[in-house]
N, C-alpha and C. Protein backbone atom coordinates (compact mmCIF):
# COMPACT_ATOMS: atom_id res chain seq x y z
N UNK A 1 -23.73 -71.57 -30.15
CA UNK A 1 -24.37 -72.13 -31.33
C UNK A 1 -23.91 -71.34 -32.56
N UNK A 2 -23.57 -72.04 -33.59
CA UNK A 2 -22.97 -71.44 -34.78
C UNK A 2 -23.88 -70.45 -35.49
N UNK A 3 -25.20 -70.66 -35.47
CA UNK A 3 -26.10 -69.80 -36.22
C UNK A 3 -26.80 -68.75 -35.34
N UNK A 4 -26.42 -68.61 -34.09
CA UNK A 4 -27.08 -67.68 -33.17
C UNK A 4 -26.43 -66.29 -33.28
N UNK A 5 -27.25 -65.30 -33.61
CA UNK A 5 -26.74 -63.94 -33.78
C UNK A 5 -26.12 -63.40 -32.49
N UNK A 6 -26.71 -63.72 -31.33
CA UNK A 6 -26.14 -63.22 -30.08
C UNK A 6 -24.83 -63.92 -29.75
N UNK A 7 -24.72 -65.19 -30.05
CA UNK A 7 -23.44 -65.89 -29.85
C UNK A 7 -22.37 -65.26 -30.74
N UNK A 8 -22.74 -64.87 -31.96
CA UNK A 8 -21.79 -64.22 -32.86
C UNK A 8 -21.40 -62.83 -32.36
N UNK A 9 -22.34 -62.10 -31.78
CA UNK A 9 -22.02 -60.80 -31.20
C UNK A 9 -21.06 -60.97 -30.03
N UNK A 10 -21.35 -61.91 -29.16
CA UNK A 10 -20.48 -62.18 -28.00
C UNK A 10 -19.07 -62.54 -28.46
N UNK A 11 -18.97 -63.34 -29.53
CA UNK A 11 -17.67 -63.78 -30.05
C UNK A 11 -16.95 -62.69 -30.83
N UNK A 12 -17.60 -61.55 -31.06
CA UNK A 12 -16.99 -60.47 -31.81
C UNK A 12 -17.07 -60.63 -33.32
N UNK A 13 -17.85 -61.61 -33.78
CA UNK A 13 -18.01 -61.84 -35.22
C UNK A 13 -18.96 -60.83 -35.86
N UNK A 14 -19.86 -60.27 -35.06
CA UNK A 14 -20.78 -59.23 -35.51
C UNK A 14 -20.54 -58.03 -34.60
N UNK A 15 -20.34 -56.85 -35.17
CA UNK A 15 -20.07 -55.68 -34.32
C UNK A 15 -21.27 -55.28 -33.47
N UNK A 16 -20.97 -54.72 -32.32
CA UNK A 16 -22.00 -54.20 -31.43
C UNK A 16 -21.40 -53.04 -30.64
N UNK A 17 -22.28 -52.23 -30.07
CA UNK A 17 -21.84 -51.13 -29.21
C UNK A 17 -21.92 -51.63 -27.77
N UNK A 18 -20.80 -52.12 -27.28
CA UNK A 18 -20.75 -52.76 -25.96
C UNK A 18 -20.99 -51.76 -24.84
N UNK A 19 -21.81 -52.21 -23.88
CA UNK A 19 -22.06 -51.45 -22.66
C UNK A 19 -21.25 -52.05 -21.52
N UNK A 20 -21.13 -53.39 -21.51
CA UNK A 20 -20.52 -54.08 -20.37
C UNK A 20 -20.18 -55.51 -20.80
N UNK A 21 -19.16 -56.07 -20.17
CA UNK A 21 -18.83 -57.47 -20.38
C UNK A 21 -18.10 -58.01 -19.16
N UNK A 22 -18.43 -59.23 -18.79
CA UNK A 22 -17.68 -59.98 -17.78
C UNK A 22 -17.65 -61.44 -18.21
N UNK A 23 -17.25 -62.33 -17.33
CA UNK A 23 -17.14 -63.75 -17.68
C UNK A 23 -18.49 -64.41 -17.92
N UNK A 24 -19.57 -63.83 -17.41
CA UNK A 24 -20.90 -64.44 -17.46
C UNK A 24 -21.81 -63.85 -18.52
N UNK A 25 -21.71 -62.54 -18.73
CA UNK A 25 -22.67 -61.89 -19.62
C UNK A 25 -22.04 -60.79 -20.46
N UNK A 26 -22.82 -60.35 -21.44
CA UNK A 26 -22.39 -59.30 -22.36
C UNK A 26 -23.59 -58.37 -22.54
N UNK A 27 -23.36 -57.07 -22.48
CA UNK A 27 -24.43 -56.09 -22.66
C UNK A 27 -24.06 -55.16 -23.81
N UNK A 28 -25.07 -54.85 -24.63
CA UNK A 28 -24.83 -53.99 -25.79
C UNK A 28 -26.10 -53.24 -26.14
N UNK A 29 -25.93 -52.10 -26.81
CA UNK A 29 -27.07 -51.28 -27.19
C UNK A 29 -27.85 -51.95 -28.31
N UNK A 30 -29.17 -51.84 -28.24
CA UNK A 30 -30.05 -52.42 -29.26
C UNK A 30 -29.88 -51.66 -30.57
N UNK A 31 -29.85 -52.39 -31.67
CA UNK A 31 -29.68 -51.79 -33.00
C UNK A 31 -30.92 -51.01 -33.45
N UNK A 32 -32.07 -51.35 -32.88
CA UNK A 32 -33.33 -50.66 -33.21
C UNK A 32 -34.00 -50.24 -31.91
N UNK A 33 -33.46 -49.22 -31.23
CA UNK A 33 -33.94 -48.86 -29.89
C UNK A 33 -35.41 -48.44 -29.87
N UNK A 34 -36.09 -48.87 -28.81
CA UNK A 34 -37.49 -48.55 -28.59
C UNK A 34 -37.68 -47.51 -27.50
N UNK A 35 -36.58 -46.99 -26.97
CA UNK A 35 -36.58 -45.94 -25.95
C UNK A 35 -35.24 -45.22 -26.05
N UNK A 36 -35.13 -44.03 -25.45
CA UNK A 36 -33.86 -43.31 -25.51
C UNK A 36 -32.67 -44.13 -25.00
N UNK A 37 -32.90 -44.95 -23.99
CA UNK A 37 -31.89 -45.92 -23.54
C UNK A 37 -32.48 -47.29 -23.78
N UNK A 38 -31.79 -48.12 -24.56
CA UNK A 38 -32.26 -49.47 -24.84
C UNK A 38 -31.05 -50.35 -25.11
N UNK A 39 -30.75 -51.19 -24.12
CA UNK A 39 -29.65 -52.14 -24.29
C UNK A 39 -30.12 -53.52 -23.91
N UNK A 40 -29.36 -54.51 -24.35
CA UNK A 40 -29.67 -55.91 -24.05
C UNK A 40 -28.55 -56.49 -23.20
N UNK A 41 -28.92 -57.39 -22.32
CA UNK A 41 -27.93 -58.14 -21.55
C UNK A 41 -28.19 -59.61 -21.84
N UNK A 42 -27.15 -60.31 -22.28
CA UNK A 42 -27.27 -61.71 -22.68
C UNK A 42 -26.23 -62.54 -21.95
N UNK A 43 -26.60 -63.76 -21.57
CA UNK A 43 -25.58 -64.63 -20.98
C UNK A 43 -24.63 -65.11 -22.07
N UNK A 44 -23.37 -65.30 -21.71
CA UNK A 44 -22.41 -65.83 -22.67
C UNK A 44 -22.70 -67.30 -22.96
N UNK A 45 -23.23 -67.99 -21.96
CA UNK A 45 -23.68 -69.37 -22.17
C UNK A 45 -24.94 -69.33 -23.02
N UNK A 46 -25.00 -70.17 -24.04
CA UNK A 46 -26.21 -70.18 -24.87
C UNK A 46 -27.34 -70.89 -24.11
N UNK A 47 -28.33 -70.10 -23.72
CA UNK A 47 -29.56 -70.59 -23.11
C UNK A 47 -30.65 -70.11 -24.06
N UNK A 48 -31.50 -71.00 -24.52
CA UNK A 48 -32.41 -70.66 -25.62
C UNK A 48 -33.47 -69.62 -25.27
N UNK A 49 -33.82 -69.47 -24.02
CA UNK A 49 -34.82 -68.49 -23.62
C UNK A 49 -35.22 -68.70 -22.17
N UNK A 50 -36.16 -67.89 -21.67
CA UNK A 50 -36.59 -68.03 -20.27
C UNK A 50 -37.07 -69.43 -19.91
N UNK A 51 -37.73 -70.12 -20.83
CA UNK A 51 -38.23 -71.45 -20.50
C UNK A 51 -37.11 -72.48 -20.38
N UNK A 52 -35.90 -72.13 -20.77
CA UNK A 52 -34.76 -73.03 -20.64
C UNK A 52 -33.94 -72.76 -19.38
N UNK A 53 -34.38 -71.81 -18.55
CA UNK A 53 -33.69 -71.55 -17.29
C UNK A 53 -34.02 -72.70 -16.34
N UNK A 54 -32.98 -73.24 -15.70
CA UNK A 54 -33.14 -74.40 -14.84
C UNK A 54 -32.38 -74.19 -13.53
N UNK A 55 -32.50 -75.15 -12.65
CA UNK A 55 -31.73 -75.09 -11.40
C UNK A 55 -30.23 -75.07 -11.69
N UNK A 56 -29.81 -75.66 -12.79
CA UNK A 56 -28.39 -75.73 -13.12
C UNK A 56 -27.84 -74.40 -13.66
N UNK A 57 -28.68 -73.56 -14.26
CA UNK A 57 -28.15 -72.32 -14.85
C UNK A 57 -28.81 -71.05 -14.30
N UNK A 58 -29.65 -71.16 -13.29
CA UNK A 58 -30.40 -69.99 -12.81
C UNK A 58 -29.53 -68.92 -12.16
N UNK A 59 -28.34 -69.26 -11.70
CA UNK A 59 -27.45 -68.25 -11.11
C UNK A 59 -27.07 -67.20 -12.14
N UNK A 60 -27.05 -67.58 -13.40
CA UNK A 60 -26.75 -66.64 -14.48
C UNK A 60 -27.77 -65.50 -14.49
N UNK A 61 -29.04 -65.84 -14.31
CA UNK A 61 -30.10 -64.83 -14.33
C UNK A 61 -29.94 -63.86 -13.16
N UNK A 62 -29.64 -64.37 -11.99
CA UNK A 62 -29.40 -63.50 -10.84
C UNK A 62 -28.24 -62.56 -11.08
N UNK A 63 -27.18 -63.09 -11.67
CA UNK A 63 -26.02 -62.26 -11.98
C UNK A 63 -26.40 -61.17 -12.99
N UNK A 64 -27.18 -61.53 -14.00
CA UNK A 64 -27.59 -60.56 -15.01
C UNK A 64 -28.41 -59.43 -14.37
N UNK A 65 -29.31 -59.77 -13.46
CA UNK A 65 -30.10 -58.72 -12.80
C UNK A 65 -29.20 -57.81 -11.95
N UNK A 66 -28.17 -58.36 -11.33
CA UNK A 66 -27.22 -57.53 -10.57
C UNK A 66 -26.47 -56.61 -11.52
N UNK A 67 -26.09 -57.10 -12.69
CA UNK A 67 -25.41 -56.28 -13.69
C UNK A 67 -26.35 -55.17 -14.18
N UNK A 68 -27.61 -55.51 -14.42
CA UNK A 68 -28.58 -54.50 -14.86
C UNK A 68 -28.68 -53.37 -13.83
N UNK A 69 -28.78 -53.71 -12.57
CA UNK A 69 -28.87 -52.69 -11.51
C UNK A 69 -27.61 -51.83 -11.49
N UNK A 70 -26.45 -52.44 -11.64
CA UNK A 70 -25.18 -51.71 -11.67
C UNK A 70 -25.15 -50.76 -12.86
N UNK A 71 -25.51 -51.24 -14.04
CA UNK A 71 -25.50 -50.40 -15.24
C UNK A 71 -26.52 -49.27 -15.14
N UNK A 72 -27.69 -49.56 -14.58
CA UNK A 72 -28.71 -48.52 -14.41
C UNK A 72 -28.16 -47.39 -13.54
N UNK A 73 -27.45 -47.74 -12.49
CA UNK A 73 -26.83 -46.72 -11.65
C UNK A 73 -25.77 -45.93 -12.39
N UNK A 74 -24.91 -46.63 -13.13
CA UNK A 74 -23.84 -45.96 -13.87
C UNK A 74 -24.38 -45.06 -14.98
N UNK A 75 -25.51 -45.46 -15.57
CA UNK A 75 -26.10 -44.68 -16.66
C UNK A 75 -27.05 -43.59 -16.15
N UNK A 76 -27.23 -43.52 -14.84
CA UNK A 76 -28.07 -42.48 -14.25
C UNK A 76 -29.55 -42.65 -14.51
N UNK A 77 -30.02 -43.88 -14.53
CA UNK A 77 -31.45 -44.14 -14.80
C UNK A 77 -32.25 -43.97 -13.51
N UNK A 78 -32.24 -42.76 -12.97
CA UNK A 78 -32.83 -42.46 -11.66
C UNK A 78 -34.35 -42.54 -11.64
N UNK A 79 -34.99 -42.34 -12.79
CA UNK A 79 -36.45 -42.37 -12.83
C UNK A 79 -37.00 -43.77 -13.10
N UNK A 80 -36.14 -44.75 -13.21
CA UNK A 80 -36.57 -46.12 -13.40
C UNK A 80 -36.29 -46.65 -14.80
N UNK A 81 -36.59 -47.92 -14.96
CA UNK A 81 -36.34 -48.61 -16.23
C UNK A 81 -37.21 -49.86 -16.27
N UNK A 82 -37.33 -50.43 -17.45
CA UNK A 82 -38.09 -51.67 -17.64
C UNK A 82 -37.13 -52.74 -18.11
N UNK A 83 -37.32 -53.96 -17.58
CA UNK A 83 -36.55 -55.13 -18.03
C UNK A 83 -37.55 -56.09 -18.64
N UNK A 84 -37.28 -56.53 -19.89
CA UNK A 84 -38.19 -57.41 -20.61
C UNK A 84 -37.43 -58.62 -21.11
N UNK A 85 -38.01 -59.80 -20.88
CA UNK A 85 -37.48 -61.04 -21.45
C UNK A 85 -38.65 -61.76 -22.11
N UNK A 86 -38.60 -61.93 -23.41
CA UNK A 86 -39.66 -62.61 -24.15
C UNK A 86 -39.33 -64.10 -24.27
N UNK A 87 -40.38 -64.92 -24.33
CA UNK A 87 -40.19 -66.36 -24.45
C UNK A 87 -41.10 -66.93 -25.53
N UNK A 88 -40.50 -67.54 -26.52
CA UNK A 88 -41.26 -68.21 -27.57
C UNK A 88 -41.92 -67.25 -28.54
N UNK A 89 -42.44 -67.81 -29.61
CA UNK A 89 -43.05 -67.01 -30.68
C UNK A 89 -44.22 -66.17 -30.16
N UNK A 90 -45.11 -66.76 -29.38
CA UNK A 90 -46.25 -66.00 -28.87
C UNK A 90 -45.83 -64.93 -27.87
N UNK A 91 -44.68 -65.11 -27.24
CA UNK A 91 -44.17 -64.12 -26.30
C UNK A 91 -43.36 -63.03 -26.97
N UNK A 92 -43.17 -63.14 -28.28
CA UNK A 92 -42.45 -62.11 -29.01
C UNK A 92 -40.95 -62.32 -29.10
N UNK A 93 -40.46 -63.51 -28.72
CA UNK A 93 -39.02 -63.78 -28.80
C UNK A 93 -38.61 -63.97 -30.26
N UNK A 94 -37.67 -63.16 -30.73
CA UNK A 94 -37.23 -63.25 -32.12
C UNK A 94 -35.83 -63.84 -32.27
N UNK A 95 -35.07 -63.89 -31.18
CA UNK A 95 -33.74 -64.50 -31.19
C UNK A 95 -33.74 -65.59 -30.13
N UNK A 96 -33.39 -66.81 -30.52
CA UNK A 96 -33.43 -67.95 -29.61
C UNK A 96 -32.24 -68.03 -28.69
N UNK A 97 -31.97 -66.97 -27.98
CA UNK A 97 -30.90 -66.89 -26.98
C UNK A 97 -31.46 -65.99 -25.88
N UNK A 98 -31.45 -66.47 -24.64
CA UNK A 98 -31.97 -65.69 -23.52
C UNK A 98 -31.37 -64.28 -23.55
N UNK A 99 -32.23 -63.28 -23.46
CA UNK A 99 -31.75 -61.92 -23.42
C UNK A 99 -32.77 -61.04 -22.69
N UNK A 100 -32.24 -60.01 -22.09
CA UNK A 100 -33.03 -59.07 -21.31
C UNK A 100 -32.89 -57.68 -21.93
N UNK A 101 -34.02 -57.11 -22.37
CA UNK A 101 -34.04 -55.74 -22.87
C UNK A 101 -34.15 -54.82 -21.65
N UNK A 102 -33.35 -53.78 -21.62
CA UNK A 102 -33.45 -52.75 -20.59
C UNK A 102 -33.80 -51.46 -21.32
N UNK A 103 -34.97 -50.91 -20.97
CA UNK A 103 -35.48 -49.70 -21.63
C UNK A 103 -35.67 -48.60 -20.59
N UNK A 104 -35.27 -47.39 -20.96
CA UNK A 104 -35.38 -46.26 -20.03
C UNK A 104 -35.28 -44.96 -20.81
N UNK A 105 -35.41 -43.87 -20.07
CA UNK A 105 -35.23 -42.56 -20.66
C UNK A 105 -36.53 -41.88 -21.07
N UNK A 106 -37.65 -42.56 -20.86
CA UNK A 106 -38.96 -41.97 -21.11
C UNK A 106 -39.97 -42.75 -20.25
N UNK A 107 -41.15 -42.20 -20.11
CA UNK A 107 -42.20 -42.89 -19.40
C UNK A 107 -42.66 -44.07 -20.27
N UNK A 108 -42.71 -45.23 -19.70
CA UNK A 108 -43.07 -46.45 -20.43
C UNK A 108 -44.48 -46.88 -20.04
N UNK A 109 -45.39 -46.83 -20.99
CA UNK A 109 -46.79 -47.17 -20.74
C UNK A 109 -46.96 -48.67 -20.54
N UNK A 110 -48.07 -49.04 -19.92
CA UNK A 110 -48.43 -50.46 -19.78
C UNK A 110 -49.88 -50.61 -20.18
N UNK A 111 -50.26 -51.54 -21.01
CA UNK A 111 -49.36 -52.50 -21.64
C UNK A 111 -48.48 -51.81 -22.67
N UNK A 112 -47.31 -52.44 -22.96
CA UNK A 112 -46.39 -51.84 -23.91
C UNK A 112 -47.06 -51.66 -25.27
N UNK A 113 -46.65 -50.67 -25.95
CA UNK A 113 -47.23 -50.45 -27.27
C UNK A 113 -46.45 -49.46 -28.06
């Protein structure tokens, strides 16, 4: 989508600090980190959010979770990490492109705050 910030990041039109890239997804560090380690993993295919995941595109989500586990191992996140995907305005989604926040490097309270 022409006006999607994540699509522009994936296309290289907006700079990012890349963590990982393959044919399916792109991972980059968050510009406003909420933990010592905070990166996002986004599908290259524009999917508007969690509520737009379907039988036709759900393999992308499985692949992204496998990538998250791989990156967590490579980054030494031995004490654990949190994966967050927001959906819609009430869910706190601010960019209309499916994305997964990965936060680590400190104890993460619940509920988040």
